[in-house]
Protein backbone atom coordinates (compact mmCIF):
# COMPACT_ATOMS: atom_id res chain seq x y z
CA UNK A 1 -159.36 10.61 70.93
CA UNK A 2 -156.16 8.55 70.33
CA UNK A 3 -152.73 9.85 69.80
CA UNK A 4 -152.94 9.11 66.09
CA UNK A 5 -156.33 11.16 66.05
CA UNK A 6 -154.75 13.96 67.77
CA UNK A 7 -151.89 13.91 65.17
CA UNK A 8 -154.30 13.84 62.38
CA UNK A 9 -156.21 16.75 63.87
CA UNK A 10 -153.01 18.84 64.15
CA UNK A 11 -151.94 18.08 60.62
CA UNK A 12 -154.90 19.51 58.87
CA UNK A 13 -154.17 23.19 60.08
CA UNK A 14 -150.67 22.79 59.48
CA UNK A 15 -151.23 21.66 55.83
CA UNK A 16 -153.59 24.56 55.43
CA UNK A 17 -151.09 27.00 56.62
CA UNK A 18 -148.38 25.36 54.68
CA UNK A 19 -150.31 25.89 51.44
CA UNK A 20 -151.12 29.56 52.27
CA UNK A 21 -147.27 30.06 52.92
CA UNK A 22 -146.18 28.26 49.60
CA UNK A 23 -148.97 29.54 47.34
CA UNK A 24 -147.30 32.95 46.67
CA UNK A 25 -144.09 31.28 45.74
CA UNK A 26 -145.88 28.87 43.44
CA UNK A 27 -147.86 31.60 41.65
CA UNK A 28 -144.78 33.90 41.25
CA UNK A 29 -143.02 30.90 39.48
CA UNK A 30 -145.98 30.28 37.29
CA UNK A 31 -146.26 34.09 36.28
CA UNK A 32 -142.69 34.41 35.21
CA UNK A 33 -142.81 31.03 33.30
CA UNK A 34 -145.93 31.86 31.41
CA UNK A 35 -145.98 35.78 31.22
CA UNK A 36 -142.35 36.75 31.30
CA UNK A 37 -140.59 33.79 29.49
CA UNK A 38 -143.71 33.01 27.63
CA UNK A 39 -142.92 29.33 27.56
CA UNK A 40 -145.28 26.65 28.49
CA UNK A 41 -144.44 24.28 31.32
CA UNK A 42 -142.62 20.97 30.64
CA UNK A 43 -143.96 18.03 32.43
CA UNK A 44 -146.73 19.85 34.33
CA UNK A 45 -148.08 16.80 36.04
CA UNK A 46 -144.70 15.88 37.38
CA UNK A 47 -144.20 19.57 38.53
CA UNK A 48 -147.60 19.33 40.29
CA UNK A 49 -146.68 16.01 42.01
CA UNK A 50 -143.55 17.49 43.08
CA UNK A 51 -145.28 20.60 44.61
CA UNK A 52 -147.59 18.16 46.47
CA UNK A 53 -144.55 16.47 48.07
CA UNK A 54 -143.06 19.55 49.09
CA UNK A 55 -146.35 20.99 50.71
CA UNK A 56 -147.00 17.86 52.18
CA UNK A 57 -143.32 17.44 53.70
CA UNK A 58 -143.31 20.94 54.96
CA UNK A 59 -146.63 20.37 56.73
CA UNK A 60 -145.47 17.05 58.27
CA UNK A 61 -142.16 18.74 59.32
CA UNK A 62 -144.11 21.57 61.07
CA UNK A 63 -146.38 19.38 62.69
CA UNK A 64 -143.51 17.11 63.93
CA UNK A 65 -141.79 20.13 65.43
CA UNK A 66 -144.71 21.27 67.27
CA UNK A 67 -145.66 17.76 68.47
CA UNK A 68 -142.16 16.31 69.38
CA UNK A 69 -138.97 18.51 69.07
CA UNK A 70 -140.16 21.76 70.75
CA UNK A 71 -141.79 19.64 73.90
CA UNK A 72 -138.63 17.57 73.93
CA UNK A 73 -136.25 20.61 73.80
CA UNK A 74 -138.24 22.34 76.51
CA UNK A 75 -138.18 19.17 78.62
CA UNK A 76 -134.57 18.66 78.30
CA UNK A 77 -133.59 22.36 79.13
CA UNK A 78 -135.76 22.13 82.18
CA UNK A 79 -134.46 18.80 83.50
CA UNK A 80 -130.83 19.93 82.76
CA UNK A 81 -131.26 23.18 84.69
CA UNK A 82 -133.14 21.63 87.52
CA UNK A 83 -131.90 22.69 90.97
CA UNK A 84 -131.83 19.06 92.21
CA UNK A 85 -129.88 18.09 89.12
CA UNK A 86 -127.43 20.76 89.37
CA UNK A 87 -127.16 20.73 93.31
CA UNK A 88 -128.26 24.20 93.85
CA UNK A 89 -130.86 26.06 95.94
CA UNK A 90 -134.24 26.77 94.28
CA UNK A 91 -134.46 30.23 92.42
CA UNK A 92 -130.52 30.46 92.45
CA UNK A 93 -128.32 30.70 89.36
CA UNK A 94 -125.38 28.38 89.82
CA UNK A 95 -121.86 28.90 88.84
CA UNK A 96 -121.20 28.33 84.96
CA UNK A 97 -119.26 25.31 85.48
CA UNK A 98 -122.58 23.79 87.27
CA UNK A 99 -124.20 23.80 83.56
CA UNK A 100 -121.61 21.57 81.98
CA UNK A 101 -124.04 19.05 80.86
CA UNK A 102 -126.20 21.94 79.30
CA UNK A 103 -123.16 22.77 77.16
CA UNK A 104 -122.66 19.39 76.18
CA UNK A 105 -126.40 18.91 75.07
CA UNK A 106 -126.26 22.32 73.28
CA UNK A 107 -123.22 21.18 71.32
CA UNK A 108 -124.27 17.82 70.64
CA UNK A 109 -127.97 18.94 69.40
CA UNK A 110 -126.08 21.64 67.14
CA UNK A 111 -123.81 19.16 65.55
CA UNK A 112 -126.63 16.63 65.09
CA UNK A 113 -129.16 19.05 63.57
CA UNK A 114 -126.50 20.48 61.23
CA UNK A 115 -125.26 17.24 59.81
CA UNK A 116 -128.94 16.54 59.11
CA UNK A 117 -129.66 19.84 57.68
CA UNK A 118 -130.86 19.40 53.93
CA UNK A 119 -129.61 22.85 52.62
CA UNK A 120 -126.19 22.15 53.93
CA UNK A 121 -126.14 18.67 52.25
CA UNK A 122 -127.35 20.02 49.01
CA UNK A 123 -124.69 23.17 48.87
CA UNK A 124 -121.81 20.73 50.10
CA UNK A 125 -122.59 18.32 47.20
CA UNK A 126 -122.70 21.27 44.75
CA UNK A 127 -119.56 22.56 46.19
CA UNK A 128 -117.81 19.19 45.59
CA UNK A 129 -119.24 19.12 42.09
CA UNK A 130 -118.43 22.46 41.08
CA UNK A 131 -114.80 22.22 42.47
CA UNK A 132 -114.12 18.95 40.66
CA UNK A 133 -113.50 17.28 43.92
CA UNK A 134 -111.31 19.99 45.39
CA UNK A 135 -113.77 20.66 48.14
CA UNK A 136 -115.00 17.51 49.56
CA UNK A 137 -118.69 17.29 50.63
CA UNK A 138 -118.42 15.50 54.02
CA UNK A 139 -115.47 17.13 55.51
CA UNK A 140 -117.20 20.39 54.59
CA UNK A 141 -120.34 19.37 56.37
CA UNK A 142 -118.37 18.08 59.40
CA UNK A 143 -116.59 21.71 59.55
CA UNK A 144 -119.66 23.55 59.44
CA UNK A 145 -121.41 21.20 62.12
CA UNK A 146 -118.28 21.57 64.39
CA UNK A 147 -118.78 25.31 64.12
CA UNK A 148 -122.44 25.10 64.86
CA UNK A 149 -121.66 23.07 67.94
CA UNK A 150 -119.29 25.36 69.30
CA UNK A 151 -121.54 28.51 68.65
CA UNK A 152 -124.50 26.92 70.35
CA UNK A 153 -122.58 25.84 73.29
CA UNK A 154 -120.97 29.19 73.62
CA UNK A 155 -124.42 30.71 73.22
CA UNK A 156 -125.90 28.68 76.08
CA UNK A 157 -123.03 29.71 78.27
CA UNK A 158 -123.80 33.35 77.32
CA UNK A 159 -127.53 32.68 78.55
CA UNK A 160 -126.18 31.10 81.74
CA UNK A 161 -123.85 33.96 82.69
CA UNK A 162 -126.08 36.67 81.25
CA UNK A 163 -123.45 38.53 79.50
CA UNK A 164 -124.31 40.80 76.55
CA UNK A 165 -124.72 39.29 73.18
CA UNK A 166 -122.88 41.94 71.09
CA UNK A 167 -119.61 41.13 72.76
CA UNK A 168 -119.50 37.65 71.35
CA UNK A 169 -120.84 38.79 67.82
CA UNK A 170 -118.14 41.56 67.67
CA UNK A 171 -115.33 39.38 68.79
CA UNK A 172 -116.56 36.58 66.42
CA UNK A 173 -116.49 38.85 63.20
CA UNK A 174 -113.41 40.40 63.96
CA UNK A 175 -111.93 37.03 63.79
CA UNK A 176 -113.77 36.20 60.62
CA UNK A 177 -112.22 39.28 59.12
CA UNK A 178 -108.83 38.43 60.34
CA UNK A 179 -109.32 34.85 58.80
CA UNK A 180 -110.57 36.27 55.46
CA UNK A 181 -107.25 38.01 54.97
CA UNK A 182 -105.26 35.02 54.80
CA UNK A 183 -107.98 32.36 53.70
CA UNK A 184 -108.00 30.78 50.27
CA UNK A 185 -110.13 32.86 47.83
CA UNK A 186 -112.12 29.58 46.90
CA UNK A 187 -113.30 29.11 50.30
CA UNK A 188 -114.24 32.64 51.38
CA UNK A 189 -117.61 32.61 49.69
CA UNK A 190 -118.41 28.92 50.68
CA UNK A 191 -117.65 29.81 54.24
CA UNK A 192 -119.55 32.92 54.29
CA UNK A 193 -122.70 30.84 52.91
CA UNK A 194 -122.21 28.14 55.23
CA UNK A 195 -123.74 30.18 57.97
CA UNK A 196 -126.82 31.00 55.95
CA UNK A 197 -127.59 27.35 54.63
CA UNK A 198 -127.07 25.96 58.22
CA UNK A 199 -129.83 28.00 59.72
CA UNK A 200 -132.46 26.42 57.95
CA UNK A 201 -135.50 24.15 58.43
CA UNK A 202 -133.88 21.64 60.98
CA UNK A 203 -131.21 23.82 63.01
CA UNK A 204 -133.42 26.94 63.58
CA UNK A 205 -136.44 25.44 65.05
CA UNK A 206 -134.47 23.20 67.40
CA UNK A 207 -131.74 25.58 68.52
CA UNK A 208 -134.28 28.50 68.99
CA UNK A 209 -136.63 26.29 71.07
CA UNK A 210 -133.56 25.33 73.17
CA UNK A 211 -132.28 29.03 73.74
CA UNK A 212 -135.93 30.26 74.62
CA UNK A 213 -136.48 27.13 76.99
CA UNK A 214 -133.07 27.65 78.66
CA UNK A 215 -133.64 31.37 79.40
CA UNK A 216 -137.20 30.46 80.77
CA UNK A 217 -135.76 28.02 83.19
CA UNK A 218 -132.68 29.92 84.57
CA UNK A 219 -133.76 32.52 87.07
CA UNK A 220 -133.39 36.16 86.12
CA UNK A 221 -133.25 35.54 82.43
CA UNK A 222 -135.59 36.66 79.84
CA UNK A 223 -136.77 34.44 76.99
CA UNK A 224 -136.89 37.29 74.68
CA UNK A 225 -133.70 39.29 75.77
CA UNK A 226 -131.59 36.18 76.44
CA UNK A 227 -133.38 33.45 74.76
CA UNK A 228 -132.99 34.73 71.16
CA UNK A 229 -129.52 35.10 69.83
CA UNK A 230 -128.60 31.23 69.58
CA UNK A 231 -129.14 31.52 65.83
CA UNK A 232 -126.56 34.26 65.59
CA UNK A 233 -124.04 31.91 67.00
CA UNK A 234 -125.24 29.25 64.66
CA UNK A 235 -124.80 31.47 61.92
CA UNK A 236 -121.29 33.03 62.77
CA UNK A 237 -119.23 30.12 64.09
CA UNK A 238 -119.60 27.98 60.99
CA UNK A 239 -117.89 30.74 58.96
CA UNK A 240 -114.90 30.56 61.54
CA UNK A 241 -114.75 26.69 61.45
CA UNK A 242 -114.89 26.40 57.72
CA UNK A 243 -112.06 29.10 57.40
CA UNK A 244 -110.07 27.41 60.05
CA UNK A 245 -110.68 24.04 58.15
CA UNK A 246 -109.45 25.48 54.93
CA UNK A 247 -106.38 26.98 56.43
CA UNK A 248 -105.56 23.67 58.19
CA UNK A 249 -106.16 21.67 55.02
CA UNK A 250 -103.83 24.12 53.02
CA UNK A 251 -101.21 23.87 55.76
CA UNK A 252 -101.22 19.92 55.60
CA UNK A 253 -100.72 20.01 51.86
CA UNK A 254 -97.87 22.31 52.29
CA UNK A 255 -96.34 20.22 54.91
CA UNK A 256 -96.67 17.03 52.95
CA UNK A 257 -95.14 18.65 49.82
CA UNK A 258 -92.14 19.81 52.09
CA UNK A 259 -91.81 16.39 53.44
CA UNK A 260 -91.69 14.70 49.98
CA UNK A 261 -88.90 17.21 48.78
CA UNK A 262 -86.84 16.42 51.79
CA UNK A 263 -87.28 12.87 51.03
CA UNK A 264 -86.31 13.06 47.37
CA UNK A 265 -83.03 14.91 48.34
């Protein structure tokens, strides 16, 4: 069977599984529309076509993850942590600085997947629309992506060193609490929501595959105990980066105002 035949054979189970997963949501929406609201559906044909697009897109996305991104993540983690690449002996955990390219790859993949995250794109555009342009969509996406990049890189460092996860999470939320006290009120809910919308369809599968594969290839690490947890970093650090971005932007505005006042004098 050719590669195209294998892809088609894998797509059918993915499509059936996606239909089974989405069907309860569809039934719930229809029941509330017809039974609770007691109103007929407007443009039912268009809605059915849209649902077919959603189901087909999710099935293709899931099949693509299993066929390409997951194997690629495992392959990259295995190659970046190979003893000959790191220059260490077989079965030995090298010093943390030996895994520099692992951190770089983790930061790059975290940044790239976040920028392409559909949920984040939608939320950032809505934030710009609701705030009448006060909050810009693209800078907000960059701030969130930078936070994910830092968080995933730090999470891979934790896997390499084997330090407890809760140390980083407690310290991170203490920093968030301190930032919240001085943050602009308009940015607090957006920052807190950014962690949730970031860990969605694109970021979660790729980042989790990276963490599990990395823990499986480093001697003495457990894919379950050490591999999971990168998503926690990807959820926490966007909050920190967005609040830092808001504070920096407010400081720049105040600085420019003071500069103009001095020039006017």
